[in-house]
Amino acid sequence: MSTTVLAAGNHFIRPELFTRAVRAAAGDTPLDVREIQFDWPHTPFGPVAEVIEASGSEDEMIEALRGAEICVTEHGPLTERILAHCPDLKLFCTSRGGPVNANVEAATRHGVAVCYAPGRNATATAEHTLTLLLAAARGVGDTHTDLRRGVWRGDYYDYDNCGIEIDGATVGLIGFGAIGSRVAKVLAAMGAHVLVHDPYVRTEALAGLAEQVSLDELLTRSRIVSLHARVTEETTGMIGRREIAAMPRGSVLVNCARGALLDYDAVCDALDSGQLSGAGFDVFPEEPLPATARLLTAPGVVLTPHIAGGSQEVAHKAARIVAADVGRYLRGEPLVHCANPRVLRAG
């Protein structure tokens, strides 16, 4: 008898990518795979009932999950209502770095294991961070815009307008997880002196690569600061006017983590005053970024629309990570990336 699987994809991780990965991980286990495609990223994700970042509706998921034992998805929601209407569901795999589109507490009550895909986009996000960091440090945003408008400005070669080299610069990384550690390796190879502030990192992980310091010391010593922290009550708004004022004048600030870490009004004021000479952002306090946002006209800014984690390799990697846990589930093996393992113990 076959196991019914729902592959709920979108325009980034297409349903067929999930299907191929799951079939490969399942081996000889017979599967009945259904496919559904949501409209993300053409339609932004957002709250669905009690979950914070999801795409599609509860009704769509309830209909698609009828009789399904397993679901693999990126943004499809898993809510209390969906769980109540889908008693056959036993395994919900979201190919996100965390289960933000799943009500894990409700899933645990309903006996549904929730898996996710940590580290899926670490390489892509680290590379994109370096792209924005280098572009912001050398003023690529403004010079690119001028040239597209047919304006050739020789004053960009003026001493006060010239950018910062990485070789010999002190660069501060706030957070040293899967992404921050990759950024540090490249910066160190380019000749930067790397400072790290991360209360959870072990000193031995930094050996020969970076120096662990307090946040205040990092800010006062770094010409370039890049954010790599998770959003918590402690880190929300952690970089504001006081922190930016503590940085050397003419510094560069980069954020490819989460918009909630940063006071963007303070950033715009600092760019206008010259306290910051440049900035690179992939994440914002409101997404999509409103047409009236100050960042769109602030000097020295390089902006991208929350695409740091988007590469073709990420789509395949994310599908493989969750499919691997599907394969383990089918074989009765322990799940590697399970957010609520007590469901498995109870079973």
C-alpha atoms as a PDB file:
ATOM      1  CA  MET A   1       0.000   0.000   0.000  1.00  0.00           C
ATOM      2  CA  SER A   2       1.387   3.416  -0.953  1.00  0.00           C
ATOM      3  CA  THR A   3       1.979   6.382   1.363  1.00  0.00           C
ATOM      4  CA  THR A   4       0.257   9.606   0.318  1.00  0.00           C
ATOM      5  CA  VAL A   5       2.502  12.669   0.194  1.00  0.00           C
ATOM      6  CA  LEU A   6       1.577  16.279  -0.565  1.00  0.00           C
ATOM      7  CA  ALA A   7       4.314  18.280  -2.328  1.00  0.00           C
ATOM      8  CA  ALA A   8       3.222  21.884  -1.774  1.00  0.00           C
ATOM      9  CA  GLY A   9       5.663  24.031  -3.729  1.00  0.00           C
ATOM     10  CA  ASN A  10       5.856  27.529  -5.130  1.00  0.00           C
ATOM     11  CA  HIS A  11       7.732  29.401  -7.857  1.00  0.00           C
ATOM     12  CA  PHE A  12      11.058  28.963  -6.007  1.00  0.00           C
ATOM     13  CA  ILE A  13      10.962  25.364  -4.817  1.00  0.00           C
ATOM     14  CA  ARG A  14       8.659  23.911  -7.418  1.00  0.00           C
ATOM     15  CA  PRO A  15       6.465  20.950  -6.519  1.00  0.00           C
ATOM     16  CA  GLU A  16       8.362  18.685  -8.883  1.00  0.00           C
ATOM     17  CA  LEU A  17      11.628  19.404  -7.021  1.00  0.00           C
ATOM     18  CA  PHE A  18      10.032  18.154  -3.809  1.00  0.00           C
ATOM     19  CA  THR A  19       8.568  15.167  -5.620  1.00  0.00           C
ATOM     20  CA  ARG A  20      11.900  14.116  -7.138  1.00  0.00           C
ATOM     21  CA  ALA A  21      13.746  14.535  -3.851  1.00  0.00           C
ATOM     22  CA  VAL A  22      11.141  12.604  -1.858  1.00  0.00           C
ATOM     23  CA  ARG A  23      11.009   9.730  -4.336  1.00  0.00           C
ATOM     24  CA  ALA A  24      14.807   9.486  -4.298  1.00  0.00           C
ATOM     25  CA  ALA A  25      14.876   9.465  -0.480  1.00  0.00           C
ATOM     26  CA  ALA A  26      12.032   6.920  -0.255  1.00  0.00           C
ATOM     27  CA  GLY A  27      13.833   4.322  -2.340  1.00  0.00           C
ATOM     28  CA  ASP A  28      11.540   1.379  -3.054  1.00  0.00           C
ATOM     29  CA  THR A  29       8.740   2.592  -0.774  1.00  0.00           C
ATOM     30  CA  PRO A  30       5.630   3.101  -2.917  1.00  0.00           C
ATOM     31  CA  LEU A  31       4.370   6.683  -2.814  1.00  0.00           C
ATOM     32  CA  ASP A  32       1.293   8.506  -4.052  1.00  0.00           C
ATOM     33  CA  VAL A  33       2.560  12.077  -4.452  1.00  0.00           C
ATOM     34  CA  ARG A  34       0.140  14.928  -5.050  1.00  0.00           C
ATOM     35  CA  GLU A  35       1.367  18.357  -6.075  1.00  0.00           C
ATOM     36  CA  ILE A  36       0.082  21.855  -5.402  1.00  0.00           C
ATOM     37  CA  GLN A  37       1.768  25.172  -6.181  1.00  0.00           C
ATOM     38  CA  PHE A  38       1.314  28.401  -4.235  1.00  0.00           C
ATOM     39  CA  ASP A  39       2.032  31.814  -5.751  1.00  0.00           C
ATOM     40  CA  TRP A  40       4.996  32.900  -3.599  1.00  0.00           C
ATOM     41  CA  PRO A  41       7.135  34.915  -4.330  1.00  0.00           C
ATOM     42  CA  HIS A  42       4.814  36.596  -6.858  1.00  0.00           C
ATOM     43  CA  THR A  43       2.408  37.034  -3.944  1.00  0.00           C
ATOM     44  CA  PRO A  44       4.235  37.843  -0.673  1.00  0.00           C
ATOM     45  CA  PHE A  45       3.926  35.479   2.238  1.00  0.00           C
ATOM     46  CA  GLY A  46       2.396  36.694   5.480  1.00  0.00           C
ATOM     47  CA  PRO A  47       0.379  35.589   8.507  1.00  0.00           C
ATOM     48  CA  VAL A  48      -2.107  32.764   8.007  1.00  0.00           C
ATOM     49  CA  ALA A  49      -4.253  32.388  11.116  1.00  0.00           C
ATOM     50  CA  GLU A  50      -1.769  31.964  13.978  1.00  0.00           C
ATOM     51  CA  VAL A  51       1.395  31.261  11.947  1.00  0.00           C
ATOM     52  CA  ILE A  52       3.541  34.240  10.956  1.00  0.00           C
ATOM     53  CA  GLU A  53       5.092  33.481   7.556  1.00  0.00           C
ATOM     54  CA  ALA A  54       3.054  31.353   5.188  1.00  0.00           C
ATOM     55  CA  SER A  55       1.654  31.240   1.674  1.00  0.00           C
ATOM     56  CA  GLY A  56      -1.684  29.845   0.591  1.00  0.00           C
ATOM     57  CA  SER A  57      -4.830  29.514   2.676  1.00  0.00           C
ATOM     58  CA  GLU A  58      -6.084  27.115   5.316  1.00  0.00           C
ATOM     59  CA  ASP A  59      -8.870  25.960   3.002  1.00  0.00           C
ATOM     60  CA  GLU A  60      -6.409  25.159   0.188  1.00  0.00           C
ATOM     61  CA  MET A  61      -4.225  23.130   2.536  1.00  0.00           C
ATOM     62  CA  ILE A  62      -7.145  21.278   4.092  1.00  0.00           C
ATOM     63  CA  GLU A  63      -8.391  20.220   0.661  1.00  0.00           C
ATOM     64  CA  ALA A  64      -4.933  19.266  -0.618  1.00  0.00           C
ATOM     65  CA  LEU A  65      -4.039  17.301   2.539  1.00  0.00           C
ATOM     66  CA  ARG A  66      -7.111  15.042   2.567  1.00  0.00           C
ATOM     67  CA  GLY A  67      -5.825  11.527   3.201  1.00  0.00           C
ATOM     68  CA  ALA A  68      -2.157  12.631   3.122  1.00  0.00           C
ATOM     69  CA  GLU A  69       0.224  11.224   5.741  1.00  0.00           C
ATOM     70  CA  ILE A  70       3.182  13.437   4.810  1.00  0.00           C
ATOM     71  CA  CYS A  71       3.499  17.027   3.620  1.00  0.00           C
ATOM     72  CA  VAL A  72       6.637  18.668   2.221  1.00  0.00           C
ATOM     73  CA  THR A  73       6.436  22.386   1.600  1.00  0.00           C
ATOM     74  CA  GLU A  74       8.252  25.692   1.899  1.00  0.00           C
ATOM     75  CA  HIS A  75       5.539  28.143   2.915  1.00  0.00           C
ATOM     76  CA  GLY A  76       2.346  26.098   3.150  1.00  0.00           C
ATOM     77  CA  PRO A  77       0.700  26.775   6.535  1.00  0.00           C
ATOM     78  CA  LEU A  78       0.120  24.282   9.321  1.00  0.00           C
ATOM     79  CA  THR A  79      -2.429  25.710  11.761  1.00  0.00           C
ATOM     80  CA  GLU A  80      -4.697  24.429  14.495  1.00  0.00           C
ATOM     81  CA  ARG A  81      -7.622  24.411  12.064  1.00  0.00           C
ATOM     82  CA  ILE A  82      -5.704  22.515   9.382  1.00  0.00           C
ATOM     83  CA  LEU A  83      -4.563  19.925  11.911  1.00  0.00           C
ATOM     84  CA  ALA A  84      -8.113  19.456  13.158  1.00  0.00           C
ATOM     85  CA  HIS A  85      -9.334  18.758   9.610  1.00  0.00           C
ATOM     86  CA  CYS A  86      -6.443  16.489   8.533  1.00  0.00           C
ATOM     87  CA  PRO A  87      -6.293  13.539  10.958  1.00  0.00           C
ATOM     88  CA  ASP A  88      -4.210  11.399   8.574  1.00  0.00           C
ATOM     89  CA  LEU A  89      -1.263  13.813   8.649  1.00  0.00           C
ATOM     90  CA  LYS A  90       1.722  12.476  10.609  1.00  0.00           C
ATOM     91  CA  LEU A  91       4.746  14.324   9.229  1.00  0.00           C
ATOM     92  CA  PHE A  92       4.956  17.975   8.142  1.00  0.00           C
ATOM     93  CA  CYS A  93       8.280  19.055   6.598  1.00  0.00           C
ATOM     94  CA  THR A  94       8.926  22.718   5.900  1.00  0.00           C
ATOM     95  CA  SER A  95      12.021  23.522   3.864  1.00  0.00           C
ATOM     96  CA  ARG A  96      12.646  26.742   5.786  1.00  0.00           C
ATOM     97  CA  GLY A  97      15.526  27.373   8.160  1.00  0.00           C
ATOM     98  CA  GLY A  98      12.950  27.149  10.966  1.00  0.00           C
ATOM     99  CA  PRO A  99       9.303  26.026  11.233  1.00  0.00           C
ATOM    100  CA  VAL A 100       7.869  29.562  11.073  1.00  0.00           C
ATOM    101  CA  ASN A 101       4.886  28.454   8.970  1.00  0.00           C
ATOM    102  CA  ALA A 102       3.859  25.720  11.420  1.00  0.00           C
ATOM    103  CA  ASN A 103       2.083  25.826  14.757  1.00  0.00           C
ATOM    104  CA  VAL A 104       4.483  23.392  16.398  1.00  0.00           C
ATOM    105  CA  GLU A 105       2.614  23.318  19.709  1.00  0.00           C
ATOM    106  CA  ALA A 106      -0.649  22.392  18.006  1.00  0.00           C
ATOM    107  CA  ALA A 107       1.135  19.843  15.821  1.00  0.00           C
ATOM    108  CA  THR A 108       2.549  18.208  18.945  1.00  0.00           C
ATOM    109  CA  ARG A 109      -0.920  17.953  20.482  1.00  0.00           C
ATOM    110  CA  HIS A 110      -2.191  16.338  17.267  1.00  0.00           C
ATOM    111  CA  GLY A 111       0.730  13.890  17.093  1.00  0.00           C
ATOM    112  CA  VAL A 112       2.284  15.432  13.960  1.00  0.00           C
ATOM    113  CA  ALA A 113       6.076  15.625  13.717  1.00  0.00           C
ATOM    114  CA  VAL A 114       7.391  18.898  12.262  1.00  0.00           C
ATOM    115  CA  CYS A 115      10.726  18.940  10.443  1.00  0.00           C
ATOM    116  CA  TYR A 116      12.628  21.834   8.890  1.00  0.00           C
ATOM    117  CA  ALA A 117      15.817  22.527   6.906  1.00  0.00           C
ATOM    118  CA  PRO A 118      18.472  24.339   8.958  1.00  0.00           C
ATOM    119  CA  GLY A 119      21.414  25.737   7.010  1.00  0.00           C
ATOM    120  CA  ARG A 120      19.670  25.361   3.657  1.00  0.00           C
ATOM    121  CA  ASN A 121      20.631  28.855   2.481  1.00  0.00           C
ATOM    122  CA  ALA A 122      23.731  29.575   4.573  1.00  0.00           C
ATOM    123  CA  THR A 123      26.105  29.616   1.607  1.00  0.00           C
ATOM    124  CA  ALA A 124      23.825  31.703  -0.598  1.00  0.00           C
ATOM    125  CA  THR A 125      23.149  34.247   2.149  1.00  0.00           C
ATOM    126  CA  ALA A 126      26.828  34.511   3.048  1.00  0.00           C
ATOM    127  CA  GLU A 127      27.733  35.142  -0.600  1.00  0.00           C
ATOM    128  CA  HIS A 128      24.987  37.752  -0.933  1.00  0.00           C
ATOM    129  CA  THR A 129      26.128  39.449   2.275  1.00  0.00           C
ATOM    130  CA  LEU A 130      29.612  39.758   0.827  1.00  0.00           C
ATOM    131  CA  THR A 131      28.145  41.128  -2.406  1.00  0.00           C
ATOM    132  CA  LEU A 132      26.313  43.915  -0.568  1.00  0.00           C
ATOM    133  CA  LEU A 133      29.236  44.522   1.789  1.00  0.00           C
ATOM    134  CA  LEU A 134      31.695  45.036  -1.064  1.00  0.00           C
ATOM    135  CA  ALA A 135      29.234  47.101  -3.081  1.00  0.00           C
ATOM    136  CA  ALA A 136      28.409  49.365  -0.135  1.00  0.00           C
ATOM    137  CA  ALA A 137      32.054  49.766   0.842  1.00  0.00           C
ATOM    138  CA  ARG A 138      32.972  50.952  -2.667  1.00  0.00           C
ATOM    139  CA  GLY A 139      29.893  53.066  -3.395  1.00  0.00           C
ATOM    140  CA  VAL A 140      28.574  50.834  -6.154  1.00  0.00           C
ATOM    141  CA  GLY A 141      24.925  51.734  -5.514  1.00  0.00           C
ATOM    142  CA  ASP A 142      25.172  55.459  -6.243  1.00  0.00           C
ATOM    143  CA  THR A 143      27.701  55.129  -9.078  1.00  0.00           C
ATOM    144  CA  HIS A 144      25.589  52.458 -10.773  1.00  0.00           C
ATOM    145  CA  THR A 145      22.466  54.626 -10.491  1.00  0.00           C
ATOM    146  CA  ASP A 146      24.262  57.659 -11.921  1.00  0.00           C
ATOM    147  CA  LEU A 147      25.613  55.744 -14.894  1.00  0.00           C
ATOM    148  CA  ARG A 148      22.184  54.292 -15.643  1.00  0.00           C
ATOM    149  CA  ARG A 149      20.940  57.870 -15.758  1.00  0.00           C
ATOM    150  CA  GLY A 150      23.711  58.866 -18.161  1.00  0.00           C
ATOM    151  CA  VAL A 151      25.698  60.814 -15.545  1.00  0.00           C
ATOM    152  CA  TRP A 152      29.489  60.400 -15.304  1.00  0.00           C
ATOM    153  CA  ARG A 153      30.744  61.951 -12.066  1.00  0.00           C
ATOM    154  CA  GLY A 154      34.460  62.433 -11.690  1.00  0.00           C
ATOM    155  CA  ASP A 155      34.084  63.554  -8.079  1.00  0.00           C
ATOM    156  CA  TYR A 156      33.621  59.958  -6.983  1.00  0.00           C
ATOM    157  CA  TYR A 157      37.416  59.852  -7.143  1.00  0.00           C
ATOM    158  CA  ASP A 158      37.679  62.677  -4.605  1.00  0.00           C
ATOM    159  CA  TYR A 159      39.382  61.501  -1.425  1.00  0.00           C
ATOM    160  CA  ASP A 160      36.287  62.038   0.731  1.00  0.00           C
ATOM    161  CA  ASN A 161      34.137  60.047  -1.715  1.00  0.00           C
ATOM    162  CA  CYS A 162      36.445  57.054  -2.142  1.00  0.00           C
ATOM    163  CA  GLY A 163      35.464  53.741  -0.617  1.00  0.00           C
ATOM    164  CA  ILE A 164      36.973  51.309   1.860  1.00  0.00           C
ATOM    165  CA  GLU A 165      39.274  48.376   1.092  1.00  0.00           C
ATOM    166  CA  ILE A 166      38.658  45.094   2.890  1.00  0.00           C
ATOM    167  CA  ASP A 167      42.359  44.273   3.140  1.00  0.00           C
ATOM    168  CA  GLY A 168      43.479  45.726   6.460  1.00  0.00           C
ATOM    169  CA  ALA A 169      40.006  46.860   7.524  1.00  0.00           C
ATOM    170  CA  THR A 170      38.379  45.852  10.801  1.00  0.00           C
ATOM    171  CA  VAL A 171      35.030  44.195  10.106  1.00  0.00           C
ATOM    172  CA  GLY A 172      32.550  43.372  12.858  1.00  0.00           C
ATOM    173  CA  LEU A 173      30.076  40.492  12.587  1.00  0.00           C
ATOM    174  CA  ILE A 174      27.145  40.412  14.985  1.00  0.00           C
ATOM    175  CA  GLY A 175      26.349  36.709  15.037  1.00  0.00           C
ATOM    176  CA  PHE A 176      28.608  33.782  14.129  1.00  0.00           C
ATOM    177  CA  GLY A 177      26.290  30.995  13.067  1.00  0.00           C
ATOM    178  CA  ALA A 178      26.218  29.132   9.765  1.00  0.00           C
ATOM    179  CA  ILE A 179      26.130  32.390   7.771  1.00  0.00           C
ATOM    180  CA  GLY A 180      28.340  34.650   9.874  1.00  0.00           C
ATOM    181  CA  SER A 181      31.089  32.029  10.099  1.00  0.00           C
ATOM    182  CA  ARG A 182      31.175  31.690   6.302  1.00  0.00           C
ATOM    183  CA  VAL A 183      31.381  35.463   5.877  1.00  0.00           C
ATOM    184  CA  ALA A 184      34.220  35.584   8.398  1.00  0.00           C
ATOM    185  CA  LYS A 185      36.265  33.004   6.492  1.00  0.00           C
ATOM    186  CA  VAL A 186      36.099  34.979   3.254  1.00  0.00           C
ATOM    187  CA  LEU A 187      36.816  38.318   4.918  1.00  0.00           C
ATOM    188  CA  ALA A 188      39.794  36.877   6.780  1.00  0.00           C
ATOM    189  CA  ALA A 189      41.123  35.449   3.517  1.00  0.00           C
ATOM    190  CA  MET A 190      40.830  38.944   1.996  1.00  0.00           C
ATOM    191  CA  GLY A 191      43.011  40.382   4.768  1.00  0.00           C
ATOM    192  CA  ALA A 192      40.374  41.824   7.093  1.00  0.00           C
ATOM    193  CA  HIS A 193      40.649  41.742  10.864  1.00  0.00           C
ATOM    194  CA  VAL A 194      37.365  40.159  11.884  1.00  0.00           C
ATOM    195  CA  LEU A 195      35.632  40.919  15.178  1.00  0.00           C
ATOM    196  CA  VAL A 196      32.673  38.844  16.376  1.00  0.00           C
ATOM    197  CA  HIS A 197      29.990  39.466  18.942  1.00  0.00           C
ATOM    198  CA  ASP A 198      27.982  36.335  19.654  1.00  0.00           C
ATOM    199  CA  PRO A 199      27.278  35.250  23.240  1.00  0.00           C
ATOM    200  CA  TYR A 200      26.614  31.681  22.083  1.00  0.00           C
ATOM    201  CA  VAL A 201      29.794  31.014  20.100  1.00  0.00           C
ATOM    202  CA  ARG A 202      32.588  28.942  21.624  1.00  0.00           C
ATOM    203  CA  THR A 203      35.988  30.602  21.691  1.00  0.00           C
ATOM    204  CA  GLU A 204      37.675  27.656  19.985  1.00  0.00           C
ATOM    205  CA  ALA A 205      35.410  28.130  16.949  1.00  0.00           C
ATOM    206  CA  LEU A 206      37.069  31.520  16.363  1.00  0.00           C
ATOM    207  CA  ALA A 207      40.675  30.387  16.674  1.00  0.00           C
ATOM    208  CA  GLY A 208      42.840  32.013  14.015  1.00  0.00           C
ATOM    209  CA  LEU A 209      39.789  33.467  12.280  1.00  0.00           C
ATOM    210  CA  ALA A 210      38.177  36.150  14.413  1.00  0.00           C
ATOM    211  CA  GLU A 211      38.307  37.907  17.772  1.00  0.00           C
ATOM    212  CA  GLN A 212      35.368  37.704  20.192  1.00  0.00           C
ATOM    213  CA  VAL A 213      34.499  41.098  21.709  1.00  0.00           C
ATOM    214  CA  SER A 214      31.620  42.891  23.375  1.00  0.00           C
ATOM    215  CA  LEU A 215      29.042  44.638  21.191  1.00  0.00           C
ATOM    216  CA  ASP A 216      30.266  48.069  22.281  1.00  0.00           C
ATOM    217  CA  GLU A 217      33.866  47.225  21.423  1.00  0.00           C
ATOM    218  CA  LEU A 218      32.868  45.786  18.072  1.00  0.00           C
ATOM    219  CA  LEU A 219      30.992  48.950  17.153  1.00  0.00           C
ATOM    220  CA  THR A 220      33.757  51.352  18.165  1.00  0.00           C
ATOM    221  CA  ARG A 221      36.492  49.416  16.343  1.00  0.00           C
ATOM    222  CA  SER A 222      34.767  48.315  13.102  1.00  0.00           C
ATOM    223  CA  ARG A 223      34.659  50.305   9.857  1.00  0.00           C
ATOM    224  CA  ILE A 224      32.222  47.737   8.497  1.00  0.00           C
ATOM    225  CA  VAL A 225      29.507  45.987  10.535  1.00  0.00           C
ATOM    226  CA  SER A 226      27.346  43.120   9.273  1.00  0.00           C
ATOM    227  CA  LEU A 227      24.339  41.671  11.107  1.00  0.00           C
ATOM    228  CA  HIS A 228      23.833  37.904  11.381  1.00  0.00           C
ATOM    229  CA  ALA A 229      21.747  37.530  14.547  1.00  0.00           C
ATOM    230  CA  ARG A 230      18.362  35.881  14.963  1.00  0.00           C
ATOM    231  CA  VAL A 231      15.403  38.027  15.972  1.00  0.00           C
ATOM    232  CA  THR A 232      14.564  37.598  19.644  1.00  0.00           C
ATOM    233  CA  GLU A 233      13.242  39.909  22.335  1.00  0.00           C
ATOM    234  CA  GLU A 234      16.862  40.655  23.180  1.00  0.00           C
ATOM    235  CA  THR A 235      18.034  41.399  19.627  1.00  0.00           C
ATOM    236  CA  THR A 236      14.998  43.303  18.275  1.00  0.00           C
ATOM    237  CA  GLY A 237      16.142  46.861  17.570  1.00  0.00           C
ATOM    238  CA  MET A 238      19.634  46.058  18.830  1.00  0.00           C
ATOM    239  CA  ILE A 239      21.250  48.529  16.402  1.00  0.00           C
ATOM    240  CA  GLY A 240      19.803  52.016  16.801  1.00  0.00           C
ATOM    241  CA  ARG A 241      20.976  55.606  17.073  1.00  0.00           C
ATOM    242  CA  ARG A 242      23.316  55.034  20.011  1.00  0.00           C
ATOM    243  CA  GLU A 243      24.994  52.045  18.376  1.00  0.00           C
ATOM    244  CA  ILE A 244      25.409  53.741  14.990  1.00  0.00           C
ATOM    245  CA  ALA A 245      26.830  56.855  16.668  1.00  0.00           C
ATOM    246  CA  ALA A 246      29.439  54.644  18.371  1.00  0.00           C
ATOM    247  CA  MET A 247      30.810  53.481  14.998  1.00  0.00           C
ATOM    248  CA  PRO A 248      33.700  55.368  13.379  1.00  0.00           C
ATOM    249  CA  ARG A 249      32.484  58.159  11.105  1.00  0.00           C
ATOM    250  CA  GLY A 250      32.144  57.004   7.519  1.00  0.00           C
ATOM    251  CA  SER A 251      31.465  53.365   8.430  1.00  0.00           C
ATOM    252  CA  VAL A 252      29.422  50.829   6.466  1.00  0.00           C
ATOM    253  CA  LEU A 253      26.473  48.803   7.783  1.00  0.00           C
ATOM    254  CA  VAL A 254      25.068  45.621   6.190  1.00  0.00           C
ATOM    255  CA  ASN A 255      21.973  43.588   7.069  1.00  0.00           C
ATOM    256  CA  CYS A 256      20.967  40.356   5.333  1.00  0.00           C
ATOM    257  CA  ALA A 257      19.497  38.840   8.498  1.00  0.00           C
ATOM    258  CA  ARG A 258      16.166  40.357   9.587  1.00  0.00           C
ATOM    259  CA  GLY A 259      14.794  43.881   9.360  1.00  0.00           C
ATOM    260  CA  ALA A 260      13.680  43.889  13.008  1.00  0.00           C
ATOM    261  CA  LEU A 261      17.307  44.021  14.191  1.00  0.00           C
ATOM    262  CA  LEU A 262      17.811  47.563  12.958  1.00  0.00           C
ATOM    263  CA  ASP A 263      16.365  51.080  13.327  1.00  0.00           C
ATOM    264  CA  TYR A 264      16.176  52.143   9.673  1.00  0.00           C
ATOM    265  CA  ASP A 265      15.219  55.742  10.437  1.00  0.00           C
ATOM    266  CA  ALA A 266      18.435  56.018  12.427  1.00  0.00           C
ATOM    267  CA  VAL A 267      20.299  54.520   9.466  1.00  0.00           C
ATOM    268  CA  CYS A 268      18.861  57.083   7.052  1.00  0.00           C
ATOM    269  CA  ASP A 269      19.798  59.946   9.390  1.00  0.00           C
ATOM    270  CA  ALA A 270      23.322  58.555   9.662  1.00  0.00           C
ATOM    271  CA  LEU A 271      23.645  58.254   5.881  1.00  0.00           C
ATOM    272  CA  ASP A 272      22.414  61.832   5.426  1.00  0.00           C
ATOM    273  CA  SER A 273      24.894  63.134   8.001  1.00  0.00           C
ATOM    274  CA  GLY A 274      27.856  61.099   6.769  1.00  0.00           C
ATOM    275  CA  GLN A 275      28.140  59.069   9.976  1.00  0.00           C
ATOM    276  CA  LEU A 276      27.597  56.107   7.649  1.00  0.00           C
ATOM    277  CA  SER A 277      29.228  56.297   4.225  1.00  0.00           C
ATOM    278  CA  GLY A 278      27.344  53.316   2.884  1.00  0.00           C
ATOM    279  CA  ALA A 279      24.908  50.540   3.671  1.00  0.00           C
ATOM    280  CA  GLY A 280      23.694  47.317   2.105  1.00  0.00           C
ATOM    281  CA  PHE A 281      20.302  45.832   2.945  1.00  0.00           C
ATOM    282  CA  ASP A 282      18.373  42.786   1.817  1.00  0.00           C
ATOM    283  CA  VAL A 283      15.793  42.879   4.633  1.00  0.00           C
ATOM    284  CA  PHE A 284      13.503  45.642   5.826  1.00  0.00           C
ATOM    285  CA  PRO A 285      11.052  46.514   8.617  1.00  0.00           C
ATOM    286  CA  GLU A 286       8.206  46.289   6.115  1.00  0.00           C
ATOM    287  CA  GLU A 287       8.209  44.059   3.055  1.00  0.00           C
ATOM    288  CA  PRO A 288       7.598  44.848   0.269  1.00  0.00           C
ATOM    289  CA  LEU A 289       9.431  48.122   0.872  1.00  0.00           C
ATOM    290  CA  PRO A 290       6.931  51.011   0.516  1.00  0.00           C
ATOM    291  CA  ALA A 291       7.477  53.439  -2.347  1.00  0.00           C
ATOM    292  CA  THR A 292       7.741  56.241   0.224  1.00  0.00           C
ATOM    293  CA  ALA A 293      10.514  54.569   2.241  1.00  0.00           C
ATOM    294  CA  ARG A 294      13.425  56.888   3.052  1.00  0.00           C
ATOM    295  CA  LEU A 295      15.905  54.151   2.163  1.00  0.00           C
ATOM    296  CA  LEU A 296      14.988  54.516  -1.513  1.00  0.00           C
ATOM    297  CA  THR A 297      16.449  58.026  -1.637  1.00  0.00           C
ATOM    298  CA  ALA A 298      19.144  57.811   1.046  1.00  0.00           C
ATOM    299  CA  PRO A 299      22.719  58.227  -0.252  1.00  0.00           C
ATOM    300  CA  GLY A 300      25.165  55.348  -0.393  1.00  0.00           C
ATOM    301  CA  VAL A 301      22.645  52.519  -0.133  1.00  0.00           C
ATOM    302  CA  VAL A 302      22.621  49.212  -2.024  1.00  0.00           C
ATOM    303  CA  LEU A 303      19.274  47.415  -1.784  1.00  0.00           C
ATOM    304  CA  THR A 304      17.977  43.997  -2.823  1.00  0.00           C
ATOM    305  CA  PRO A 305      14.438  42.624  -2.259  1.00  0.00           C
ATOM    306  CA  HIS A 306      15.044  39.882   0.351  1.00  0.00           C
ATOM    307  CA  ILE A 307      16.747  37.541  -2.108  1.00  0.00           C
ATOM    308  CA  ALA A 308      19.939  36.685  -0.203  1.00  0.00           C
ATOM    309  CA  GLY A 309      18.778  33.121   0.367  1.00  0.00           C
ATOM    310  CA  GLY A 310      17.610  32.606  -3.190  1.00  0.00           C
ATOM    311  CA  SER A 311      19.756  30.471  -5.459  1.00  0.00           C
ATOM    312  CA  GLN A 312      18.974  27.438  -7.580  1.00  0.00           C
ATOM    313  CA  GLU A 313      21.273  25.424  -5.347  1.00  0.00           C
ATOM    314  CA  VAL A 314      19.237  26.426  -2.281  1.00  0.00           C
ATOM    315  CA  ALA A 315      16.031  25.139  -3.868  1.00  0.00           C
ATOM    316  CA  HIS A 316      17.564  21.722  -4.500  1.00  0.00           C
ATOM    317  CA  LYS A 317      19.368  21.619  -1.139  1.00  0.00           C
ATOM    318  CA  ALA A 318      16.227  22.530   0.823  1.00  0.00           C
ATOM    319  CA  ALA A 319      14.189  19.857  -0.946  1.00  0.00           C
ATOM    320  CA  ARG A 320      16.883  17.248  -0.266  1.00  0.00           C
ATOM    321  CA  ILE A 321      17.123  18.126   3.449  1.00  0.00           C
ATOM    322  CA  VAL A 322      13.419  17.649   4.124  1.00  0.00           C
ATOM    323  CA  ALA A 323      13.191  14.655   1.794  1.00  0.00           C
ATOM    324  CA  ALA A 324      15.951  12.965   3.789  1.00  0.00           C
ATOM    325  CA  ASP A 325      13.776  13.136   6.905  1.00  0.00           C
ATOM    326  CA  VAL A 326      10.841  11.792   4.905  1.00  0.00           C
ATOM    327  CA  GLY A 327      13.020   8.823   3.971  1.00  0.00           C
ATOM    328  CA  ARG A 328      13.999   8.321   7.624  1.00  0.00           C
ATOM    329  CA  TYR A 329      10.343   8.462   8.671  1.00  0.00           C
ATOM    330  CA  LEU A 330       9.357   5.855   6.093  1.00  0.00           C
ATOM    331  CA  ARG A 331      12.149   3.537   7.275  1.00  0.00           C
ATOM    332  CA  GLY A 332      11.311   4.060  10.949  1.00  0.00           C
ATOM    333  CA  GLU A 333      14.600   5.831  11.668  1.00  0.00           C
ATOM    334  CA  PRO A 334      15.091   8.865  13.973  1.00  0.00           C
ATOM    335  CA  LEU A 335      14.426  12.208  12.320  1.00  0.00           C
ATOM    336  CA  VAL A 336      17.411  14.555  12.200  1.00  0.00           C
ATOM    337  CA  HIS A 337      15.757  17.978  11.989  1.00  0.00           C
ATOM    338  CA  CYS A 338      12.608  17.584  14.074  1.00  0.00           C
ATOM    339  CA  ALA A 339      11.203  20.561  16.009  1.00  0.00           C
ATOM    340  CA  ASN A 340       9.052  18.399  18.319  1.00  0.00           C
ATOM    341  CA  PRO A 341      10.832  15.059  18.811  1.00  0.00           C
ATOM    342  CA  ARG A 342       8.648  14.153  21.798  1.00  0.00           C
ATOM    343  CA  VAL A 343       5.911  13.307  19.280  1.00  0.00           C
ATOM    344  CA  LEU A 344       8.148  10.520  18.019  1.00  0.00           C
ATOM    345  CA  ARG A 345       8.929   9.286  21.523  1.00  0.00           C
ATOM    346  CA  ALA A 346       5.233   9.268  22.374  1.00  0.00           C
ATOM    347  CA  GLY A 347       4.538   7.207  19.282  1.00  0.00           C
END
